[in-house]
């Protein structure tokens, strides 16, 4: 099923953002900043985002610094925010903030790689 390329208006974007706590809208893109505990974690987050976005075929702009990564999404071909941006944001959110559940066979890192700011 093809995804709609119709850009959403501001009210639709604001409504959809309620499903993505921590994400905002700056008038052009939806965005989120993830705090990290340093360069190594920052690079892990960037590479995880790069992998899922390349696989999905929808690519964000990234602002990368020592303690954080900011992700910005919009659909260039539609000149606005579309379903693609929200689907990609959800995928990024699930990937970047994933941590094993309590009781899982996986123990996870002692501290999370990233936190939403």
N, C-alpha and C. Protein backbone atom coordinates (compact mmCIF):
# COMPACT_ATOMS: atom_id res chain seq x y z
N UNK A 1 0.84 -1.18 0.00
CA UNK A 1 0.00 0.00 0.00
C UNK A 1 0.88 1.24 0.00
N UNK A 2 0.68 2.13 -0.93
CA UNK A 2 1.48 3.35 -1.03
C UNK A 2 1.09 4.33 0.08
N UNK A 3 2.08 5.06 0.54
CA UNK A 3 1.84 6.05 1.57
C UNK A 3 1.43 7.37 0.92
N UNK A 4 0.51 8.08 1.55
CA UNK A 4 0.04 9.36 1.02
C UNK A 4 1.18 10.37 0.99
N UNK A 5 1.26 11.10 -0.09
CA UNK A 5 2.25 12.16 -0.22
C UNK A 5 1.65 13.52 0.08
N UNK A 6 0.37 13.55 0.43
CA UNK A 6 -0.28 14.82 0.72
C UNK A 6 0.28 15.39 2.02
N UNK A 7 0.78 16.63 1.99
CA UNK A 7 1.28 17.21 3.24
C UNK A 7 0.13 17.54 4.18
N UNK A 8 0.37 17.34 5.45
CA UNK A 8 -0.62 17.66 6.48
C UNK A 8 -0.61 19.15 6.79
N UNK A 9 -1.76 19.66 7.22
CA UNK A 9 -1.78 21.05 7.68
C UNK A 9 -1.35 21.08 9.15
N UNK A 10 -1.18 22.27 9.70
CA UNK A 10 -0.66 22.42 11.06
C UNK A 10 -1.53 21.71 12.10
N UNK A 11 -2.84 21.78 11.97
CA UNK A 11 -3.73 21.12 12.92
C UNK A 11 -3.56 19.60 12.87
N UNK A 12 -3.43 19.05 11.67
CA UNK A 12 -3.22 17.60 11.53
C UNK A 12 -1.87 17.19 12.14
N UNK A 13 -0.85 17.99 11.92
CA UNK A 13 0.47 17.69 12.47
C UNK A 13 0.42 17.71 13.99
N UNK A 14 -0.18 18.75 14.54
CA UNK A 14 -0.30 18.87 16.00
C UNK A 14 -1.05 17.68 16.58
N UNK A 15 -2.11 17.26 15.93
CA UNK A 15 -2.87 16.11 16.39
C UNK A 15 -2.07 14.82 16.35
N UNK A 16 -1.35 14.62 15.27
CA UNK A 16 -0.53 13.41 15.12
C UNK A 16 0.64 13.39 16.11
N UNK A 17 1.16 14.55 16.46
CA UNK A 17 2.28 14.60 17.40
C UNK A 17 1.90 14.12 18.79
N UNK A 18 0.62 14.11 19.10
CA UNK A 18 0.17 13.59 20.40
C UNK A 18 0.52 12.11 20.55
N UNK A 19 0.69 11.42 19.42
CA UNK A 19 1.08 10.00 19.43
C UNK A 19 2.59 9.83 19.59
N UNK A 20 3.33 10.93 19.56
CA UNK A 20 4.80 10.89 19.63
C UNK A 20 5.31 11.85 20.71
N UNK A 21 5.12 11.49 21.98
CA UNK A 21 5.60 12.39 23.04
C UNK A 21 7.09 12.70 22.86
N UNK A 22 7.43 13.95 23.07
CA UNK A 22 8.83 14.37 22.94
C UNK A 22 9.15 14.95 21.57
N UNK A 23 8.29 14.71 20.58
CA UNK A 23 8.50 15.26 19.25
C UNK A 23 7.80 16.60 19.15
N UNK A 24 8.36 17.51 18.38
CA UNK A 24 7.78 18.83 18.19
C UNK A 24 7.69 19.17 16.71
N UNK A 25 7.18 20.37 16.45
CA UNK A 25 7.03 20.86 15.09
C UNK A 25 7.54 22.29 15.05
N UNK A 26 8.45 22.59 14.11
CA UNK A 26 9.04 23.93 14.04
C UNK A 26 8.53 24.76 12.86
N UNK A 27 7.44 24.33 12.23
CA UNK A 27 6.90 25.04 11.08
C UNK A 27 7.36 24.45 9.75
N UNK A 28 8.43 23.65 9.80
CA UNK A 28 8.91 23.00 8.57
C UNK A 28 9.06 21.50 8.75
N UNK A 29 9.53 21.08 9.93
CA UNK A 29 9.85 19.67 10.16
C UNK A 29 9.32 19.24 11.53
N UNK A 30 9.12 17.93 11.68
CA UNK A 30 8.92 17.40 13.02
C UNK A 30 10.31 17.02 13.52
N UNK A 31 10.53 17.16 14.82
CA UNK A 31 11.88 16.97 15.34
C UNK A 31 11.87 16.39 16.75
N UNK A 32 12.99 15.83 17.12
CA UNK A 32 13.20 15.29 18.47
C UNK A 32 14.69 15.30 18.76
N UNK A 33 15.05 15.63 19.99
CA UNK A 33 16.44 15.58 20.43
C UNK A 33 16.59 14.45 21.43
N UNK A 34 17.61 13.63 21.20
CA UNK A 34 17.95 12.55 22.12
C UNK A 34 19.26 12.91 22.81
N UNK A 35 19.25 12.88 24.13
CA UNK A 35 20.48 13.10 24.90
C UNK A 35 21.24 11.79 24.98
N UNK A 36 22.56 11.87 24.95
CA UNK A 36 23.40 10.69 25.08
C UNK A 36 24.40 10.93 26.21
N UNK A 37 25.14 9.89 26.55
CA UNK A 37 26.13 10.06 27.62
C UNK A 37 27.53 10.29 27.07
N UNK A 38 27.64 10.64 25.79
CA UNK A 38 28.94 10.95 25.22
C UNK A 38 29.06 10.53 23.77
N UNK A 39 30.25 10.73 23.23
CA UNK A 39 30.48 10.53 21.81
C UNK A 39 30.16 9.12 21.34
N UNK A 40 30.60 8.10 22.07
CA UNK A 40 30.34 6.72 21.66
C UNK A 40 28.83 6.45 21.56
N UNK A 41 28.08 6.87 22.54
CA UNK A 41 26.62 6.68 22.51
C UNK A 41 25.99 7.49 21.38
N UNK A 42 26.49 8.69 21.17
CA UNK A 42 25.98 9.52 20.08
C UNK A 42 26.15 8.80 18.74
N UNK A 43 27.31 8.22 18.53
CA UNK A 43 27.56 7.53 17.26
C UNK A 43 26.71 6.26 17.13
N UNK A 44 26.48 5.56 18.25
CA UNK A 44 25.59 4.40 18.20
C UNK A 44 24.18 4.82 17.79
N UNK A 45 23.70 5.92 18.35
CA UNK A 45 22.36 6.42 18.02
C UNK A 45 22.30 6.83 16.55
N UNK A 46 23.29 7.57 16.09
CA UNK A 46 23.32 8.01 14.69
C UNK A 46 23.31 6.81 13.75
N UNK A 47 24.13 5.81 14.04
CA UNK A 47 24.18 4.64 13.17
C UNK A 47 22.89 3.83 13.20
N UNK A 48 22.26 3.74 14.35
CA UNK A 48 20.97 3.04 14.43
C UNK A 48 19.91 3.77 13.60
N UNK A 49 19.88 5.10 13.71
CA UNK A 49 18.95 5.90 12.92
C UNK A 49 19.25 5.73 11.43
N UNK A 50 20.51 5.79 11.07
CA UNK A 50 20.90 5.66 9.66
C UNK A 50 20.46 4.32 9.10
N UNK A 51 20.64 3.26 9.87
CA UNK A 51 20.26 1.94 9.39
C UNK A 51 18.75 1.84 9.15
N UNK A 52 17.95 2.20 10.14
CA UNK A 52 16.50 2.03 9.96
C UNK A 52 15.95 2.97 8.89
N UNK A 53 16.51 4.17 8.79
CA UNK A 53 16.00 5.11 7.78
C UNK A 53 16.42 4.71 6.37
N UNK A 54 17.63 4.20 6.21
CA UNK A 54 18.05 3.72 4.89
C UNK A 54 17.19 2.54 4.48
N UNK A 55 16.93 1.64 5.42
CA UNK A 55 16.09 0.48 5.13
C UNK A 55 14.66 0.91 4.80
N UNK A 56 14.16 1.93 5.48
CA UNK A 56 12.81 2.44 5.23
C UNK A 56 12.73 3.29 3.97
N UNK A 57 13.85 3.83 3.53
CA UNK A 57 13.85 4.68 2.34
C UNK A 57 13.35 6.09 2.60
N UNK A 58 13.50 6.56 3.82
CA UNK A 58 13.09 7.93 4.17
C UNK A 58 14.13 8.48 5.13
N UNK A 59 14.78 9.57 4.77
CA UNK A 59 15.98 10.00 5.47
C UNK A 59 15.81 11.33 6.19
N UNK A 60 16.16 11.38 7.47
CA UNK A 60 16.06 12.61 8.25
C UNK A 60 17.30 13.47 8.08
N UNK A 61 17.18 14.71 8.50
CA UNK A 61 18.35 15.53 8.74
C UNK A 61 18.76 15.27 10.18
N UNK A 62 20.05 15.16 10.43
CA UNK A 62 20.56 14.91 11.77
C UNK A 62 21.52 16.03 12.17
N UNK A 63 21.37 16.49 13.41
CA UNK A 63 22.35 17.39 14.01
C UNK A 63 23.04 16.58 15.09
N UNK A 64 24.34 16.40 14.95
CA UNK A 64 25.09 15.49 15.80
C UNK A 64 26.12 16.28 16.60
N UNK A 65 26.12 16.08 17.91
CA UNK A 65 27.14 16.68 18.76
C UNK A 65 27.51 15.70 19.86
N UNK A 66 28.46 16.06 20.66
CA UNK A 66 28.98 15.15 21.68
C UNK A 66 27.88 14.57 22.57
N UNK A 67 26.98 15.39 23.14
CA UNK A 67 26.00 14.79 24.07
C UNK A 67 24.58 14.64 23.54
N UNK A 68 24.37 14.83 22.22
CA UNK A 68 22.99 14.74 21.75
C UNK A 68 22.92 14.56 20.24
N UNK A 69 21.73 14.09 19.82
CA UNK A 69 21.41 13.94 18.40
C UNK A 69 20.02 14.51 18.20
N UNK A 70 19.88 15.43 17.26
CA UNK A 70 18.57 15.98 16.91
C UNK A 70 18.18 15.44 15.54
N UNK A 71 16.96 14.95 15.46
CA UNK A 71 16.41 14.37 14.23
C UNK A 71 15.33 15.31 13.71
N UNK A 72 15.38 15.62 12.41
CA UNK A 72 14.35 16.44 11.77
C UNK A 72 13.83 15.68 10.55
N UNK A 73 12.52 15.61 10.45
CA UNK A 73 11.87 14.89 9.35
C UNK A 73 10.86 15.76 8.62
N UNK A 74 10.90 15.73 7.31
CA UNK A 74 9.86 16.25 6.45
C UNK A 74 10.04 15.61 5.09
N UNK A 75 8.98 15.58 4.31
CA UNK A 75 9.03 14.94 3.01
C UNK A 75 9.31 16.00 1.96
N UNK A 76 10.53 15.99 1.45
CA UNK A 76 10.95 17.00 0.49
C UNK A 76 10.07 17.00 -0.76
N UNK A 77 9.74 15.82 -1.27
CA UNK A 77 8.95 15.73 -2.50
C UNK A 77 7.54 16.30 -2.34
N UNK A 78 7.02 16.31 -1.12
CA UNK A 78 5.69 16.85 -0.86
C UNK A 78 5.76 18.26 -0.28
N UNK A 79 6.99 18.72 -0.01
CA UNK A 79 7.21 20.04 0.59
C UNK A 79 6.42 20.21 1.89
N UNK A 80 6.45 19.18 2.72
CA UNK A 80 5.73 19.26 3.99
C UNK A 80 5.84 17.96 4.76
N UNK A 81 5.02 17.83 5.79
CA UNK A 81 4.99 16.66 6.66
C UNK A 81 3.93 15.70 6.14
N UNK A 82 4.31 14.44 5.98
CA UNK A 82 3.38 13.42 5.46
C UNK A 82 3.39 12.20 6.38
N UNK A 83 2.60 11.20 5.99
CA UNK A 83 2.58 9.93 6.72
C UNK A 83 3.98 9.33 6.84
N UNK A 84 4.81 9.52 5.81
CA UNK A 84 6.17 8.98 5.84
C UNK A 84 6.96 9.49 7.05
N UNK A 85 6.76 10.76 7.36
CA UNK A 85 7.51 11.36 8.47
C UNK A 85 7.08 10.78 9.81
N UNK A 86 5.78 10.61 9.99
CA UNK A 86 5.30 10.04 11.26
C UNK A 86 5.68 8.57 11.39
N UNK A 87 5.60 7.82 10.30
CA UNK A 87 6.00 6.41 10.35
C UNK A 87 7.49 6.28 10.65
N UNK A 88 8.30 7.14 10.05
CA UNK A 88 9.74 7.10 10.30
C UNK A 88 10.05 7.55 11.73
N UNK A 89 9.36 8.56 12.22
CA UNK A 89 9.57 9.02 13.60
C UNK A 89 9.27 7.90 14.59
N UNK A 90 8.19 7.17 14.38
CA UNK A 90 7.85 6.04 15.26
C UNK A 90 8.94 4.98 15.23
N UNK A 91 9.43 4.68 14.06
CA UNK A 91 10.49 3.68 13.91
C UNK A 91 11.77 4.13 14.62
N UNK A 92 12.14 5.39 14.46
CA UNK A 92 13.32 5.94 15.14
C UNK A 92 13.13 5.87 16.65
N UNK A 93 11.97 6.27 17.10
CA UNK A 93 11.67 6.27 18.55
C UNK A 93 11.81 4.87 19.13
N UNK A 94 11.22 3.88 18.47
CA UNK A 94 11.30 2.49 18.94
C UNK A 94 12.73 1.99 18.97
N UNK A 95 13.51 2.37 17.99
CA UNK A 95 14.89 1.90 17.88
C UNK A 95 15.80 2.57 18.90
N UNK A 96 15.75 3.88 18.95
CA UNK A 96 16.69 4.64 19.79
C UNK A 96 16.41 4.44 21.28
N UNK A 97 15.16 4.35 21.67
CA UNK A 97 14.83 4.25 23.10
C UNK A 97 14.60 2.80 23.55
N UNK A 98 14.81 1.83 22.66
CA UNK A 98 14.61 0.43 23.04
C UNK A 98 15.58 0.04 24.13
N UNK A 99 15.08 -0.71 25.08
CA UNK A 99 15.88 -1.29 26.15
C UNK A 99 15.17 -2.58 26.55
N UNK A 100 15.90 -3.63 26.91
CA UNK A 100 15.23 -4.89 27.26
C UNK A 100 14.25 -4.70 28.42
N UNK A 101 13.13 -5.40 28.33
CA UNK A 101 12.14 -5.39 29.41
C UNK A 101 12.71 -6.11 30.63
N UNK A 102 12.19 -5.73 31.79
CA UNK A 102 12.56 -6.43 33.02
C UNK A 102 12.15 -7.90 32.85
N UNK A 103 13.01 -8.80 33.25
CA UNK A 103 12.71 -10.21 33.13
C UNK A 103 13.14 -10.80 31.79
N UNK A 104 13.66 -9.95 30.89
CA UNK A 104 14.11 -10.43 29.59
C UNK A 104 15.40 -11.23 29.75
N UNK A 105 15.64 -12.13 28.81
CA UNK A 105 16.91 -12.86 28.78
C UNK A 105 18.07 -11.91 28.49
N UNK A 106 17.76 -10.78 27.88
CA UNK A 106 18.78 -9.76 27.60
C UNK A 106 18.88 -8.82 28.80
N UNK A 107 20.09 -8.51 29.21
CA UNK A 107 20.24 -7.65 30.38
C UNK A 107 20.36 -6.17 30.03
N UNK A 108 20.82 -5.87 28.83
CA UNK A 108 20.95 -4.48 28.41
C UNK A 108 22.14 -3.79 29.03
N UNK A 109 22.39 -2.60 28.57
CA UNK A 109 23.48 -1.77 29.08
C UNK A 109 23.10 -1.23 30.45
N UNK A 110 24.08 -1.03 31.33
CA UNK A 110 23.74 -0.50 32.67
C UNK A 110 23.09 0.88 32.61
N UNK A 111 23.42 1.66 31.59
CA UNK A 111 22.72 2.94 31.42
C UNK A 111 22.26 3.04 29.97
N UNK A 112 21.12 3.65 29.75
CA UNK A 112 20.59 3.74 28.39
C UNK A 112 21.53 4.50 27.47
N UNK A 113 21.57 4.10 26.21
CA UNK A 113 22.39 4.79 25.22
C UNK A 113 21.86 6.19 24.97
N UNK A 114 20.53 6.34 24.94
CA UNK A 114 19.92 7.64 24.66
C UNK A 114 18.69 7.85 25.51
N UNK A 115 18.40 9.10 25.76
CA UNK A 115 17.19 9.52 26.48
C UNK A 115 16.55 10.64 25.68
N UNK A 116 15.25 10.69 25.67
CA UNK A 116 14.58 11.80 25.01
C UNK A 116 14.71 13.04 25.86
N UNK A 117 14.99 14.17 25.23
CA UNK A 117 15.09 15.44 25.97
C UNK A 117 13.76 16.15 25.93
